[in-house]
Amino acid sequence: MIDLLTNLFSDYTLRTVALGSALLGITAGSLGGFALLRRQSLLGDAISHAALPGIAIAFLLTGSKAPLVLILGAGIAGWIGAALISVVTTQTRIKYDSALGIMLSVFFGFGLVLLTYIQRQPDANQAGLNSFLFGQAAALIEQDVFLIFVIGSVVILLIALFWKEFKLLSFDSDFLGTLGYPIRTLDYLLTTLFVVAIVIGLQTVGVVLMSAMIIAPAAAARQWTDRLGLMIFLAGIFGAFSGVGGALTSSLIPALPTGPTIVLIVSAIVLISLLFAPNRGLVFRRVRDWQAGKRLRVDAVLVDLYTLASQHSSAEYPHSERVLDVMSSISGPAHQTLKVLKDLDLAIPIDSTHWSLTPEGVLRAERVIERQFGGDS
């Protein structure tokens, strides 16, 4: 581990790839929170696939593979794809998910046709363009990282400047309109930021996997908090961690591509969040359900004992387990619940089959009955 951390700071390629991937993760993760809340999870997928023909057209027009040129072409194509989705959904009867599928397949198919055409050209200048399909993070250089840093900083700055507007747009766009804000303009601005965040990540994780970098960190962060600010912050942290983790992991295993490794790590973060997040994690939810069921069983048997004893001279009059088994509204025998009542000092066994309430058990049963029936009176 020490050697790995040492290489992270001393090895030029590893340091460059890790830093670029971390910056991409912060930018994409921060924006992904808004896409998740607006139920536009597949928008990133459509934009990233729509960017592919833009890369090919930019190369055909300029003959250059300079990152800025290709990013500009990808950005224009991605924005056109997003705008067309908006036009189709507002001007026709085609639903949003259908429009996403149409644009994704049409643009991606057109991009593959253009890439095939370019690859058949006699010159060798076109080599490497197909790496945009799955990314080629190992090819990042300092200029690429600086470009990601500058563009990502602009994206984060705009999120901060329009925080209130984007927040209202995500939760209640109708209310935002009643306040006099231009909803469509803000929607286009947020979509443009999506496009920018996606195109700067194409060289790192590629067209096919970029949508995961938008949604997965936000989906993981959503499991841990109900506050938007903390959610966006956590999404950026998860994105950065997956970027650095993917770079380090791919450096340890020969021929392991960095882009897919980053996506696998962020997917693992999502899985861990789904299982173990305190608020929404499946494991903690199952534990809470079990505890709630246990409390219900305890209260039910406690009330049954009290009800039976109330028919006699003393509230601590003992009764048989078999009677409780028949009387209980909770499925299963009452023996295990009676043992829990004993551990809580709410009931005591008189003999092998009969149980009686303790004074504390009587008070607890009276409180349960008052809570259950007092609000109905």
Protein backbone atom coordinates (compact mmCIF):
# COMPACT_ATOMS: atom_id res chain seq x y z
CA MET A 1 0.00 0.00 0.00
CA ILE A 2 2.86 2.39 0.84
CA ASP A 3 4.53 1.62 -2.49
CA LEU A 4 1.24 2.21 -4.28
CA LEU A 5 0.76 5.60 -2.64
CA THR A 6 4.36 6.48 -3.39
CA ASN A 7 3.83 5.64 -7.06
CA LEU A 8 0.69 7.77 -7.06
CA PHE A 9 2.77 10.85 -6.38
CA SER A 10 6.01 9.90 -8.14
CA ASP A 11 4.87 8.15 -11.31
CA TYR A 12 3.93 10.70 -13.98
CA THR A 13 1.42 8.56 -15.86
CA LEU A 14 -0.34 7.24 -12.76
CA ARG A 15 -0.47 10.69 -11.16
CA THR A 16 -1.87 12.26 -14.33
CA VAL A 17 -4.51 9.59 -14.88
CA ALA A 18 -5.58 9.59 -11.22
CA LEU A 19 -5.84 13.38 -11.06
CA GLY A 20 -7.76 13.62 -14.32
CA SER A 21 -10.14 10.83 -13.28
CA ALA A 22 -10.71 12.43 -9.88
CA LEU A 23 -11.54 15.81 -11.42
CA LEU A 24 -13.91 14.11 -13.84
CA GLY A 25 -15.57 12.23 -10.98
CA ILE A 26 -16.12 15.42 -8.99
CA THR A 27 -17.65 17.24 -11.95
CA ALA A 28 -19.83 14.40 -13.19
CA GLY A 29 -20.94 13.33 -9.73
CA SER A 30 -21.96 16.85 -8.73
CA LEU A 31 -24.15 17.24 -11.79
CA GLY A 32 -25.55 13.73 -11.50
CA GLY A 33 -27.48 14.68 -8.39
CA PHE A 34 -29.68 17.04 -10.39
CA ALA A 35 -30.19 14.46 -13.16
CA LEU A 36 -31.22 11.86 -10.58
CA LEU A 37 -33.70 14.18 -8.85
CA ARG A 38 -35.21 15.27 -12.18
CA ARG A 39 -35.58 11.63 -13.26
CA GLN A 40 -33.28 12.18 -16.22
CA SER A 41 -30.91 9.34 -15.47
CA LEU A 42 -30.76 8.23 -19.12
CA LEU A 43 -30.15 11.75 -20.42
CA GLY A 44 -26.42 11.33 -19.80
CA ASP A 45 -26.45 8.10 -21.78
CA ALA A 46 -28.19 9.79 -24.71
CA ILE A 47 -25.85 12.81 -24.67
CA SER A 48 -22.70 10.68 -24.47
CA HIS A 49 -23.81 8.56 -27.42
CA ALA A 50 -24.88 11.66 -29.35
CA ALA A 51 -21.38 13.09 -28.89
CA LEU A 52 -19.76 10.33 -30.95
CA PRO A 53 -20.67 11.72 -34.42
CA GLY A 54 -19.52 15.14 -33.23
CA ILE A 55 -16.05 13.73 -32.58
CA ALA A 56 -15.95 12.14 -36.02
CA ILE A 57 -17.22 15.27 -37.82
CA ALA A 58 -14.75 17.49 -35.94
CA PHE A 59 -11.91 15.26 -37.13
CA LEU A 60 -13.18 15.16 -40.72
CA LEU A 61 -13.45 18.96 -40.86
CA THR A 62 -10.13 19.79 -39.20
CA GLY A 63 -7.99 16.66 -39.57
CA SER A 64 -6.87 17.28 -35.97
CA LYS A 65 -7.06 14.99 -32.96
CA ALA A 66 -6.37 17.82 -30.52
CA PRO A 67 -8.51 17.23 -27.39
CA LEU A 68 -10.02 20.71 -27.48
CA VAL A 69 -11.15 20.28 -31.10
CA LEU A 70 -12.70 16.88 -30.48
CA ILE A 71 -14.34 18.05 -27.23
CA LEU A 72 -15.84 21.02 -29.04
CA GLY A 73 -17.29 18.75 -31.74
CA ALA A 74 -18.60 16.32 -29.13
CA GLY A 75 -20.14 19.15 -27.15
CA ILE A 76 -21.99 20.59 -30.13
CA ALA A 77 -23.33 17.19 -31.18
CA GLY A 78 -24.31 16.32 -27.60
CA TRP A 79 -26.15 19.60 -27.14
CA ILE A 80 -27.98 19.14 -30.45
CA GLY A 81 -29.03 15.66 -29.33
CA ALA A 82 -30.31 16.99 -25.98
CA ALA A 83 -32.15 19.85 -27.71
CA LEU A 84 -33.78 17.45 -30.16
CA ILE A 85 -34.98 15.30 -27.28
CA SER A 86 -36.59 18.35 -25.71
CA VAL A 87 -38.19 19.39 -29.01
CA VAL A 88 -39.55 15.92 -29.71
CA THR A 89 -41.08 15.54 -26.25
CA THR A 90 -42.69 19.01 -26.24
CA GLN A 91 -43.86 19.20 -29.86
CA THR A 92 -45.00 15.62 -30.47
CA ARG A 93 -46.81 12.86 -28.61
CA ILE A 94 -43.63 10.81 -28.25
CA LYS A 95 -42.81 10.28 -24.58
CA TYR A 96 -39.50 11.17 -22.96
CA ASP A 97 -38.10 7.65 -22.70
CA SER A 98 -38.97 6.92 -26.33
CA ALA A 99 -37.28 10.15 -27.46
CA LEU A 100 -34.16 9.19 -25.50
CA GLY A 101 -34.04 5.80 -27.15
CA ILE A 102 -34.51 7.27 -30.62
CA MET A 103 -31.80 9.91 -30.26
CA LEU A 104 -29.38 7.53 -28.59
CA SER A 105 -29.63 4.89 -31.31
CA VAL A 106 -29.71 7.31 -34.27
CA PHE A 107 -26.74 9.42 -33.16
CA PHE A 108 -24.70 6.43 -32.02
CA GLY A 109 -25.36 4.57 -35.26
CA PHE A 110 -24.40 7.65 -37.29
CA GLY A 111 -21.23 7.99 -35.22
CA LEU A 112 -20.23 4.37 -35.83
CA VAL A 113 -20.77 4.83 -39.57
CA LEU A 114 -18.53 7.89 -39.57
CA LEU A 115 -15.85 6.12 -37.51
CA THR A 116 -15.91 3.18 -39.93
CA TYR A 117 -15.50 5.58 -42.83
CA ILE A 118 -12.61 7.38 -41.14
CA GLN A 119 -10.83 4.13 -40.27
CA ARG A 120 -10.87 3.13 -43.95
CA GLN A 121 -9.02 6.24 -45.04
CA PRO A 122 -5.49 5.57 -46.36
CA ASP A 123 -3.68 7.95 -43.96
CA ALA A 124 -2.79 6.91 -40.41
CA ASN A 125 -3.77 10.18 -38.73
CA GLN A 126 -7.18 8.81 -37.77
CA ALA A 127 -5.76 6.07 -35.51
CA GLY A 128 -7.08 6.14 -31.97
CA LEU A 129 -10.45 7.77 -32.55
CA ASN A 130 -12.28 4.55 -31.71
CA SER A 131 -10.78 4.75 -28.21
CA PHE A 132 -13.56 7.24 -27.45
CA LEU A 133 -15.98 4.31 -27.36
CA PHE A 134 -14.56 2.87 -24.12
CA GLY A 135 -12.06 5.55 -23.16
CA GLN A 136 -8.29 5.56 -22.95
CA ALA A 137 -7.40 7.13 -19.63
CA ALA A 138 -3.77 6.04 -19.89
CA ALA A 139 -3.35 8.46 -22.79
CA LEU A 140 -4.12 11.50 -20.61
CA ILE A 141 -1.39 14.11 -20.43
CA GLU A 142 -1.00 17.22 -18.30
CA GLN A 143 -2.70 19.43 -20.90
CA ASP A 144 -5.75 17.15 -20.82
CA VAL A 145 -5.90 17.27 -17.03
CA PHE A 146 -5.58 21.06 -17.09
CA LEU A 147 -8.43 21.25 -19.62
CA ILE A 148 -10.63 19.01 -17.43
CA PHE A 149 -9.74 21.16 -14.41
CA VAL A 150 -10.64 24.44 -16.13
CA ILE A 151 -13.91 23.19 -17.63
CA GLY A 152 -14.86 21.33 -14.47
CA SER A 153 -14.19 24.43 -12.36
CA VAL A 154 -16.49 26.47 -14.59
CA VAL A 155 -19.21 23.82 -14.21
CA ILE A 156 -18.89 23.76 -10.40
CA LEU A 157 -18.87 27.58 -10.30
CA LEU A 158 -22.07 27.76 -12.32
CA ILE A 159 -23.71 25.19 -10.04
CA ALA A 160 -22.82 27.39 -7.07
CA LEU A 161 -24.06 30.57 -8.76
CA PHE A 162 -27.39 29.03 -9.81
CA TRP A 163 -27.78 26.77 -6.78
CA LYS A 164 -31.16 28.10 -5.72
CA GLU A 165 -32.55 28.04 -9.27
CA PHE A 166 -31.29 24.51 -10.01
CA LYS A 167 -32.64 23.32 -6.66
CA LEU A 168 -36.12 24.65 -7.38
CA LEU A 169 -35.93 23.37 -10.95
CA SER A 170 -35.22 19.87 -9.65
CA PHE A 171 -37.92 19.80 -6.97
CA ASP A 172 -40.72 22.13 -8.12
CA SER A 173 -40.28 23.74 -11.55
CA ASP A 174 -43.87 25.06 -11.53
CA PHE A 175 -43.21 27.05 -8.37
CA LEU A 176 -39.99 28.33 -9.94
CA GLY A 177 -42.04 29.63 -12.86
CA THR A 178 -44.47 31.45 -10.56
CA LEU A 179 -41.49 33.32 -9.10
CA GLY A 180 -40.76 34.72 -12.56
CA TYR A 181 -37.67 32.67 -13.39
CA PRO A 182 -37.17 31.51 -17.02
CA ILE A 183 -37.66 27.77 -16.63
CA ARG A 184 -36.72 26.84 -20.18
CA THR A 185 -33.52 28.91 -20.08
CA LEU A 186 -32.47 27.34 -16.79
CA ASP A 187 -33.30 23.90 -18.16
CA TYR A 188 -31.11 24.52 -21.20
CA LEU A 189 -28.31 25.83 -18.97
CA LEU A 190 -28.39 22.70 -16.78
CA THR A 191 -28.52 20.49 -19.87
CA THR A 192 -25.53 22.35 -21.29
CA LEU A 193 -23.60 21.64 -18.09
CA PHE A 194 -24.49 17.97 -18.49
CA VAL A 195 -23.12 18.06 -22.02
CA VAL A 196 -19.91 19.75 -20.89
CA ALA A 197 -19.35 17.29 -18.05
CA ILE A 198 -19.93 14.34 -20.35
CA VAL A 199 -17.69 15.42 -23.21
CA ILE A 200 -14.69 16.10 -20.95
CA GLY A 201 -14.95 12.52 -19.72
CA LEU A 202 -15.14 10.79 -23.09
CA GLN A 203 -11.39 10.35 -23.34
CA THR A 204 -11.26 8.85 -19.83
CA VAL A 205 -14.19 6.42 -19.68
CA GLY A 206 -15.63 6.63 -23.20
CA VAL A 207 -19.04 7.08 -24.78
CA VAL A 208 -20.48 3.78 -23.58
CA LEU A 209 -19.58 4.15 -19.89
CA MET A 210 -19.80 7.91 -19.33
CA SER A 211 -23.44 7.83 -18.26
CA ALA A 212 -22.43 5.70 -15.26
CA MET A 213 -20.12 8.48 -14.06
CA ILE A 214 -23.05 10.88 -14.10
CA ILE A 215 -25.64 8.74 -12.30
CA ALA A 216 -23.81 6.17 -10.16
CA PRO A 217 -22.13 8.58 -7.66
CA ALA A 218 -25.40 10.48 -7.25
CA ALA A 219 -27.38 7.26 -6.78
CA ALA A 220 -24.94 6.17 -4.06
CA ALA A 221 -25.02 9.56 -2.34
CA ARG A 222 -28.84 9.61 -2.36
CA GLN A 223 -28.86 6.56 -0.07
CA TRP A 224 -26.93 8.40 2.65
CA THR A 225 -28.78 11.70 2.99
CA ASP A 226 -31.98 13.63 2.35
CA ARG A 227 -30.21 17.00 2.02
CA LEU A 228 -29.39 18.20 -1.48
CA GLY A 229 -26.18 20.01 -0.54
CA LEU A 230 -24.73 17.01 1.26
CA MET A 231 -25.90 14.72 -1.53
CA ILE A 232 -24.05 16.75 -4.18
CA PHE A 233 -20.94 16.86 -1.99
CA LEU A 234 -20.99 13.10 -1.39
CA ALA A 235 -21.58 12.43 -5.08
CA GLY A 236 -18.45 14.43 -5.91
CA ILE A 237 -16.46 12.55 -3.25
CA PHE A 238 -17.65 9.17 -4.54
CA GLY A 239 -16.82 10.18 -8.11
CA ALA A 240 -13.32 11.32 -7.14
CA PHE A 241 -12.70 8.18 -5.09
CA SER A 242 -13.77 5.90 -7.93
CA GLY A 243 -11.54 7.81 -10.35
CA VAL A 244 -8.45 7.49 -8.18
CA GLY A 245 -9.32 3.91 -7.23
CA GLY A 246 -9.76 2.92 -10.86
CA ALA A 247 -6.41 4.44 -11.80
CA LEU A 248 -4.62 2.68 -8.94
CA THR A 249 -6.30 -0.67 -9.59
CA SER A 250 -5.56 -0.63 -13.30
CA SER A 251 -1.91 0.18 -12.56
CA LEU A 252 -1.60 -2.98 -10.47
CA ILE A 253 -3.04 -5.38 -13.07
CA PRO A 254 -1.43 -5.42 -16.54
CA ALA A 255 -3.71 -4.67 -19.51
CA LEU A 256 -6.63 -3.73 -17.23
CA PRO A 257 -8.37 -0.70 -18.80
CA THR A 258 -8.84 2.27 -16.49
CA GLY A 259 -12.25 3.47 -17.70
CA PRO A 260 -14.19 0.24 -17.10
CA THR A 261 -12.34 -0.21 -13.79
CA ILE A 262 -13.53 3.22 -12.64
CA VAL A 263 -17.10 2.28 -13.50
CA LEU A 264 -16.79 -1.04 -11.63
CA ILE A 265 -15.52 0.75 -8.52
CA VAL A 266 -18.29 3.34 -8.56
CA SER A 267 -20.77 0.49 -9.09
CA ALA A 268 -19.35 -1.22 -6.00
CA ILE A 269 -19.88 2.03 -4.07
CA VAL A 270 -23.52 2.04 -5.22
CA LEU A 271 -23.95 -1.58 -4.09
CA ILE A 272 -22.43 -0.86 -0.67
CA SER A 273 -24.66 2.20 -0.29
CA LEU A 274 -27.78 0.23 -1.24
CA LEU A 275 -26.96 -2.37 1.39
CA PHE A 276 -25.44 -0.45 4.30
CA ALA A 277 -26.54 3.21 4.17
CA PRO A 278 -28.17 3.98 7.57
CA ASN A 279 -31.24 5.73 6.15
CA ARG A 280 -32.15 3.56 3.17
CA GLY A 281 -29.78 0.59 3.20
CA LEU A 282 -31.44 -2.78 2.78
CA VAL A 283 -29.50 -4.34 5.66
CA PHE A 284 -30.39 -1.58 8.13
CA ARG A 285 -33.98 -1.56 6.89
CA ARG A 286 -34.21 -5.31 7.50
CA VAL A 287 -32.76 -4.84 10.99
CA ARG A 288 -35.25 -2.06 11.75
CA ASP A 289 -38.12 -4.21 10.47
CA TRP A 290 -36.94 -7.10 12.65
CA GLN A 291 -36.69 -4.85 15.70
CA ALA A 292 -40.13 -3.39 15.01
CA GLY A 293 -41.57 -6.89 14.64
CA LYS A 294 -39.90 -7.95 17.87
CA ARG A 295 -41.43 -4.98 19.70
CA LEU A 296 -44.85 -5.82 18.26
CA ARG A 297 -44.60 -9.45 19.40
CA VAL A 298 -43.47 -8.40 22.88
CA ASP A 299 -46.31 -5.91 23.24
CA ALA A 300 -48.87 -8.37 21.87
CA VAL A 301 -47.96 -11.17 24.30
CA LEU A 302 -47.69 -8.65 27.14
CA VAL A 303 -51.21 -7.36 26.48
CA ASP A 304 -52.54 -10.93 26.18
CA LEU A 305 -51.10 -11.82 29.58
CA TYR A 306 -52.56 -8.66 31.09
CA THR A 307 -55.99 -9.27 29.49
CA LEU A 308 -56.12 -12.81 30.82
CA ALA A 309 -54.94 -11.78 34.28
CA SER A 310 -57.49 -8.96 34.44
CA GLN A 311 -60.20 -11.63 34.60
CA HIS A 312 -58.85 -12.64 38.00
CA SER A 313 -58.16 -10.95 41.29
CA SER A 314 -54.57 -10.07 40.48
CA ALA A 315 -52.97 -8.56 37.37
CA GLU A 316 -50.05 -10.92 38.00
CA TYR A 317 -52.18 -14.08 37.78
CA PRO A 318 -50.25 -16.79 35.84
CA HIS A 319 -51.45 -18.39 32.61
CA SER A 320 -50.42 -21.25 30.36
CA GLU A 321 -48.31 -20.87 27.22
CA ARG A 322 -50.89 -22.88 25.27
CA VAL A 323 -53.57 -20.30 26.01
CA LEU A 324 -51.23 -17.54 24.82
CA ASP A 325 -50.42 -19.50 21.66
CA VAL A 326 -54.12 -19.69 20.81
CA MET A 327 -54.89 -16.12 21.84
CA SER A 328 -51.91 -14.32 20.32
CA SER A 329 -52.46 -12.32 17.12
CA ILE A 330 -48.77 -12.72 16.29
CA SER A 331 -47.96 -15.79 14.18
CA GLY A 332 -45.90 -18.50 15.81
CA PRO A 333 -45.62 -19.83 19.38
CA ALA A 334 -45.29 -17.37 22.27
CA HIS A 335 -42.40 -19.21 23.98
CA GLN A 336 -39.57 -17.18 22.42
CA THR A 337 -41.36 -13.91 23.11
CA LEU A 338 -41.94 -14.96 26.72
CA LYS A 339 -38.19 -15.52 27.08
CA VAL A 340 -37.63 -11.98 25.80
CA LEU A 341 -40.16 -10.71 28.36
CA LYS A 342 -38.23 -12.57 31.05
CA ASP A 343 -34.96 -10.96 29.94
CA LEU A 344 -36.66 -7.56 30.11
CA ASP A 345 -37.98 -8.39 33.61
CA LEU A 346 -41.55 -7.99 32.39
CA ALA A 347 -42.67 -11.60 32.97
CA ILE A 348 -41.49 -14.57 35.03
CA PRO A 349 -42.11 -18.33 34.66
CA ILE A 350 -44.12 -19.88 37.47
CA ASP A 351 -43.39 -23.40 36.27
CA SER A 352 -42.47 -25.05 32.95
CA THR A 353 -45.69 -23.98 31.23
CA HIS A 354 -47.18 -21.04 33.18
CA TRP A 355 -46.09 -17.40 33.13
CA SER A 356 -46.98 -14.33 35.14
CA LEU A 357 -46.44 -10.60 34.69
CA THR A 358 -44.06 -8.73 36.97
CA PRO A 359 -45.11 -5.37 38.44
CA GLU A 360 -43.02 -3.69 35.74
CA GLY A 361 -44.79 -5.84 33.15
CA VAL A 362 -48.17 -4.73 34.43
CA LEU A 363 -47.19 -1.05 34.09
CA ARG A 364 -45.78 -1.65 30.61
CA ALA A 365 -48.95 -3.46 29.50
CA GLU A 366 -51.14 -0.61 30.80
CA ARG A 367 -49.06 1.91 28.85
CA VAL A 368 -49.33 -0.18 25.67
CA ILE A 369 -53.10 -0.47 26.02
CA GLU A 370 -53.41 3.26 26.67
CA ARG A 371 -51.28 4.01 23.62
CA GLN A 372 -53.29 1.66 21.40
CA PHE A 373 -56.78 2.63 22.50
CA GLY A 374 -56.36 6.03 24.12
CA GLY A 375 -56.04 7.82 20.75
CA ASP A 376 -59.23 6.21 19.46
CA SER A 377 -61.42 7.49 22.25
